[in-house]
Protein backbone atom coordinates (compact mmCIF):
# COMPACT_ATOMS: atom_id res chain seq x y z
CA UNK A 1 -29.75 8.86 66.43
CA UNK A 2 -28.43 6.82 63.48
CA UNK A 3 -30.37 8.95 61.03
CA UNK A 4 -28.90 12.06 62.56
CA UNK A 5 -25.40 10.71 62.32
CA UNK A 6 -26.04 9.68 58.70
CA UNK A 7 -27.30 13.17 57.94
CA UNK A 8 -24.27 14.76 59.53
CA UNK A 9 -21.85 12.52 57.65
CA UNK A 10 -23.76 13.11 54.35
CA UNK A 11 -23.75 16.89 55.00
CA UNK A 12 -20.05 16.78 55.74
CA UNK A 13 -19.36 14.76 52.59
CA UNK A 14 -21.53 17.12 50.52
CA UNK A 15 -19.59 20.12 51.73
CA UNK A 16 -16.16 18.57 51.30
CA UNK A 17 -16.65 16.36 48.21
CA UNK A 18 -19.83 17.73 46.62
CA UNK A 19 -18.20 20.64 44.80
CA UNK A 20 -15.60 18.27 43.20
CA UNK A 21 -18.40 16.00 41.93
CA UNK A 22 -20.45 18.89 40.60
CA UNK A 23 -17.36 20.40 38.91
CA UNK A 24 -16.52 16.99 37.47
CA UNK A 25 -20.06 16.59 36.01
CA UNK A 26 -19.80 20.07 34.44
CA UNK A 27 -16.42 19.23 32.94
CA UNK A 28 -17.78 15.92 31.61
CA UNK A 29 -20.73 17.59 29.90
CA UNK A 30 -18.59 20.33 28.39
CA UNK A 31 -16.00 17.76 27.30
CA UNK A 32 -18.64 15.73 25.47
CA UNK A 33 -19.75 18.79 23.61
CA UNK A 34 -16.17 19.70 22.68
CA UNK A 35 -15.44 16.13 21.44
CA UNK A 36 -18.48 16.21 19.17
CA UNK A 37 -17.38 19.59 17.84
CA UNK A 38 -13.80 18.34 17.27
CA UNK A 39 -15.12 15.21 15.51
CA UNK A 40 -17.05 17.26 12.96
CA UNK A 41 -14.18 19.64 12.36
CA UNK A 42 -11.63 16.81 12.06
CA UNK A 43 -13.78 15.01 9.50
CA UNK A 44 -14.08 18.12 7.40
CA UNK A 45 -10.38 18.85 7.63
CA UNK A 46 -9.39 15.35 6.51
CA UNK A 47 -11.77 15.56 3.55
CA UNK A 48 -10.32 18.95 2.53
CA UNK A 49 -6.77 17.62 2.84
CA UNK A 50 -7.71 14.55 0.78
CA UNK A 51 -6.60 12.03 3.39
CA UNK A 52 -7.10 8.50 1.96
CA UNK A 53 -10.63 7.18 2.49
CA UNK A 54 -9.28 4.04 4.11
CA UNK A 55 -7.41 6.10 6.73
CA UNK A 56 -10.16 8.62 7.60
CA UNK A 57 -12.26 6.29 9.79
CA UNK A 58 -9.15 5.02 11.59
CA UNK A 59 -7.70 8.48 12.36
CA UNK A 60 -11.13 9.77 13.38
CA UNK A 61 -11.78 6.80 15.66
CA UNK A 62 -8.29 6.92 17.22
CA UNK A 63 -8.52 10.68 17.86
CA UNK A 64 -12.02 10.63 19.30
CA UNK A 65 -11.34 7.51 21.47
CA UNK A 66 -8.22 9.17 22.84
CA UNK A 67 -10.15 12.33 23.71
CA UNK A 68 -12.87 10.24 25.53
CA UNK A 69 -10.20 8.44 27.53
CA UNK A 70 -8.54 11.71 28.42
CA UNK A 71 -11.82 13.23 29.43
CA UNK A 72 -12.74 10.27 31.67
CA UNK A 73 -9.35 10.27 33.38
CA UNK A 74 -9.59 14.07 33.94
CA UNK A 75 -13.07 13.76 35.50
CA UNK A 76 -11.89 10.92 37.70
CA UNK A 77 -8.97 13.06 38.90
CA UNK A 78 -11.32 16.01 39.58
CA UNK A 79 -13.65 13.94 41.76
CA UNK A 80 -10.68 12.35 43.57
CA UNK A 81 -10.91 8.80 42.26
CA UNK A 82 -7.83 6.72 42.92
CA UNK A 83 -6.19 5.83 39.57
CA UNK A 84 -3.24 3.67 40.73
CA UNK A 85 -4.97 0.31 40.39
CA UNK A 86 -6.73 1.38 37.21
CA UNK A 87 -3.45 2.54 35.63
CA UNK A 88 -1.69 -0.70 36.56
CA UNK A 89 -4.44 -2.80 34.98
CA UNK A 90 -4.39 -0.77 31.76
CA UNK A 91 -0.59 -0.99 31.59
CA UNK A 92 -0.54 -4.75 32.07
CA UNK A 93 -3.29 -5.20 29.47
CA UNK A 94 -1.42 -3.01 26.98
CA UNK A 95 1.82 -5.05 27.35
CA UNK A 96 -0.07 -8.32 26.95
CA UNK A 97 -1.95 -7.08 23.92
CA UNK A 98 1.25 -5.70 22.39
CA UNK A 99 3.03 -9.05 22.68
CA UNK A 100 0.04 -11.00 21.32
CA UNK A 101 -0.60 -8.62 18.42
CA UNK A 102 2.96 -7.59 17.44
CA UNK A 103 2.61 -9.02 13.92
CA UNK A 104 -0.77 -7.35 13.51
CA UNK A 105 0.59 -4.03 14.67
CA UNK A 106 3.43 -4.37 12.15
CA UNK A 107 0.92 -4.94 9.31
CA UNK A 108 -1.17 -2.04 10.55
CA UNK A 109 1.86 0.29 10.61
CA UNK A 110 2.83 -0.84 7.13
CA UNK A 111 -0.70 -0.21 5.86
CA UNK A 112 -0.74 3.32 7.28
CA UNK A 113 2.66 4.09 5.72
CA UNK A 114 1.58 2.70 2.32
CA UNK A 115 -1.52 4.83 2.33
CA UNK A 116 0.34 7.94 3.44
CA UNK A 117 3.52 7.65 1.36
CA UNK A 118 1.86 5.98 -1.65
CA UNK A 119 4.66 3.84 -3.15
CA UNK A 120 1.78 2.46 -5.28
CA UNK A 121 -1.91 3.15 -5.74
CA UNK A 122 -5.00 1.28 -6.94
CA UNK A 123 -4.62 -0.24 -10.39
CA UNK A 124 -0.85 0.06 -10.37
CA UNK A 125 1.07 -3.01 -11.47
CA UNK A 126 3.77 -3.97 -8.97
CA UNK A 127 6.37 -6.63 -8.38
CA UNK A 128 6.69 -7.52 -4.65
CA UNK A 129 7.23 -10.54 -2.48
CA UNK A 130 7.82 -12.66 -5.58
CA UNK A 131 4.39 -11.67 -6.95
CA UNK A 132 3.54 -9.75 -10.11
CA UNK A 133 0.04 -8.25 -10.32
CA UNK A 134 -2.35 -5.32 -10.41
CA UNK A 135 -3.33 -3.71 -7.16
CA UNK A 136 -7.01 -4.16 -6.64
CA UNK A 137 -7.31 -3.18 -2.94
CA UNK A 138 -5.19 -1.44 -0.28
CA UNK A 139 -6.49 -2.21 3.25
CA UNK A 140 -5.12 -1.28 6.61
CA UNK A 141 -3.61 -4.77 7.23
CA UNK A 142 -3.08 -6.20 3.77
CA UNK A 143 -2.86 -5.44 0.06
CA UNK A 144 -4.65 -7.43 -2.63
CA UNK A 145 -3.09 -8.13 -6.06
CA UNK A 146 -4.72 -9.70 -9.16
CA UNK A 147 -2.19 -11.60 -11.29
CA UNK A 148 -2.15 -11.96 -15.04
CA UNK A 149 -3.46 -15.56 -14.71
CA UNK A 150 -6.39 -14.28 -12.56
CA UNK A 151 -5.16 -15.31 -9.12
CA UNK A 152 -5.90 -13.16 -6.07
CA UNK A 153 -2.79 -12.64 -3.98
CA UNK A 154 -3.12 -11.16 -0.43
CA UNK A 155 0.10 -9.73 0.96
CA UNK A 156 0.43 -8.55 4.60
CA UNK A 157 1.42 -4.88 4.64
CA UNK A 158 4.17 -5.36 7.20
CA UNK A 159 6.09 -7.65 4.85
CA UNK A 160 5.21 -5.58 1.80
CA UNK A 161 6.40 -2.22 3.05
CA UNK A 162 9.67 -3.60 4.45
CA UNK A 163 10.78 -5.23 1.19
CA UNK A 164 11.61 -3.94 -2.30
CA UNK A 165 8.55 -2.81 -4.30
CA UNK A 166 8.85 -2.40 -8.07
CA UNK A 167 6.10 -0.15 -9.44
CA UNK A 168 5.93 -0.84 -13.22
CA UNK A 169 3.00 1.54 -13.79
CA UNK A 170 4.05 4.84 -12.24
CA UNK A 171 6.22 6.08 -15.11
CA UNK A 172 3.48 5.48 -17.65
CA UNK A 173 5.53 3.28 -19.98
CA UNK A 174 7.68 0.14 -19.70
CA UNK A 175 10.54 -1.19 -21.77
CA UNK A 176 10.16 -4.61 -23.28
CA UNK A 177 13.48 -6.49 -23.85
CA UNK A 178 14.23 -9.87 -25.43
CA UNK A 179 17.04 -11.38 -27.43
CA UNK A 180 16.94 -13.31 -30.77
CA UNK A 181 19.60 -15.84 -31.61
CA UNK A 182 20.81 -15.98 -35.23
CA UNK A 183 23.44 -18.14 -37.00
CA UNK A 184 26.88 -16.57 -37.62
CA UNK A 185 26.14 -16.83 -41.34
CA UNK A 186 23.05 -14.59 -40.99
CA UNK A 187 23.02 -11.17 -42.66
CA UNK A 188 22.90 -8.89 -39.58
CA UNK A 189 21.87 -5.72 -41.41
CA UNK A 190 19.04 -7.50 -43.15
CA UNK A 191 17.89 -9.15 -39.92
CA UNK A 192 17.87 -5.80 -38.13
CA UNK A 193 15.81 -4.28 -41.00
CA UNK A 194 13.27 -7.11 -40.82
CA UNK A 195 12.97 -6.72 -37.05
CA UNK A 196 12.45 -2.91 -37.23
CA UNK A 197 9.71 -3.41 -39.86
CA UNK A 198 8.11 -6.03 -37.58
CA UNK A 199 8.22 -3.60 -34.70
CA UNK A 200 6.56 -0.84 -36.77
CA UNK A 201 3.72 -3.14 -37.82
CA UNK A 202 3.04 -4.47 -34.30
CA UNK A 203 0.07 -2.92 -32.49
CA UNK A 204 0.55 -0.96 -29.23
CA UNK A 205 4.34 -0.47 -29.56
CA UNK A 206 5.11 3.15 -28.63
CA UNK A 207 6.88 5.36 -31.17
CA UNK A 208 8.61 7.38 -28.44
CA UNK A 209 11.13 6.44 -27.08
CA UNK A 210 12.40 4.88 -30.33
CA UNK A 211 12.86 1.11 -30.61
CA UNK A 212 16.37 -0.24 -30.55
CA UNK A 213 17.70 -3.35 -32.31
CA UNK A 214 21.35 -4.32 -32.21
CA UNK A 215 24.02 -6.98 -31.67
CA UNK A 216 24.50 -7.65 -28.00
CA UNK A 217 26.30 -10.94 -27.63
CA UNK A 218 28.44 -13.60 -29.31
CA UNK A 219 27.89 -17.22 -28.27
CA UNK A 220 29.78 -20.29 -29.28
CA UNK A 221 27.07 -21.32 -31.73
CA UNK A 222 25.17 -18.08 -32.48
CA UNK A 223 24.95 -14.32 -32.27
CA UNK A 224 22.41 -12.52 -30.14
CA UNK A 225 20.39 -9.56 -31.32
CA UNK A 226 18.63 -7.60 -28.63
CA UNK A 227 15.24 -5.94 -29.17
CA UNK A 228 14.16 -3.03 -26.95
CA UNK A 229 10.72 -1.44 -27.42
CA UNK A 230 8.53 0.70 -25.18
CA UNK A 231 4.90 -0.13 -24.34
CA UNK A 232 2.20 0.88 -21.87
CA UNK A 233 2.37 -1.33 -18.81
CA UNK A 234 -1.05 -2.78 -19.43
CA UNK A 235 -0.03 -3.96 -22.92
CA UNK A 236 3.26 -5.50 -21.93
CA UNK A 237 2.43 -9.17 -22.17
CA UNK A 238 0.25 -8.84 -25.30
CA UNK A 239 2.91 -6.86 -27.13
CA UNK A 240 5.62 -9.34 -26.09
CA UNK A 241 3.73 -12.34 -27.51
CA UNK A 242 2.69 -10.59 -30.69
CA UNK A 243 6.13 -9.03 -31.43
CA UNK A 244 8.07 -12.20 -30.80
CA UNK A 245 5.81 -14.22 -33.06
CA UNK A 246 5.98 -11.53 -35.74
CA UNK A 247 9.79 -11.29 -35.66
CA UNK A 248 10.31 -15.05 -35.86
CA UNK A 249 7.89 -15.42 -38.80
CA UNK A 250 9.32 -12.46 -40.73
CA UNK A 251 12.91 -13.57 -40.20
CA UNK A 252 12.03 -17.04 -41.48
CA UNK A 253 10.21 -15.58 -44.48
CA UNK A 254 13.22 -13.41 -45.29
CA UNK A 255 15.52 -16.40 -45.29
CA UNK A 256 17.46 -15.36 -42.20
CA UNK A 257 19.36 -18.31 -40.72
CA UNK A 258 18.75 -19.48 -37.20
CA UNK A 259 21.35 -21.50 -35.29
CA UNK A 260 21.10 -25.26 -35.75
CA UNK A 261 20.38 -27.37 -32.72
CA UNK A 262 23.56 -28.58 -31.12
């Protein structure tokens, strides 16, 4: 009798619920095939559109994972699975994870924006967060700089993107400025001529734009002559050292007076 009742209940369930389960299985199989197809097309599309290599795996993973979740929820709805408890658990977990990882999400968002908007690229020299260095790596969560004194600096992307970034490489050249103090008795025209000759003989100083040398300030014990020359960003420090040494030596050799110590 129990077997007969079981058979009747099973038959009833098969008639009322069976089609939903069969349809759900069919939808699941078709959905898997579609997701695989979308994955291959999405990968090709990102490659054609030259999406940054660091972003491609993330966007691909996010898109495919979202499609899998949507497929599973759709199939569960088709077969009549109750989603209220499931939705509540997912919601609570999402809130807890969001609170715990708020800083991480900020860095992640900053990394995505940096890679998409490109305020700087690999090998650019930048000034940011009080650091000055060449960009050696741009990751999703952080950016790595190599300073002139060979220190590796790791900056979280959240802080980096929300602050001022000075890109000294993008324009292709950089102006080098410094002042030279001379005594009031110094011959200004002669000093300017010596400085311009020193600039012409210094390696890696760009001819265009033209260098500029001129009186810029009057102090109580000296006059200040400013020197403006253009260099490639990678040569900035080398040119600064070489040019300053050259100017000081040539001025001294030409008998140009420097201010006496007070």
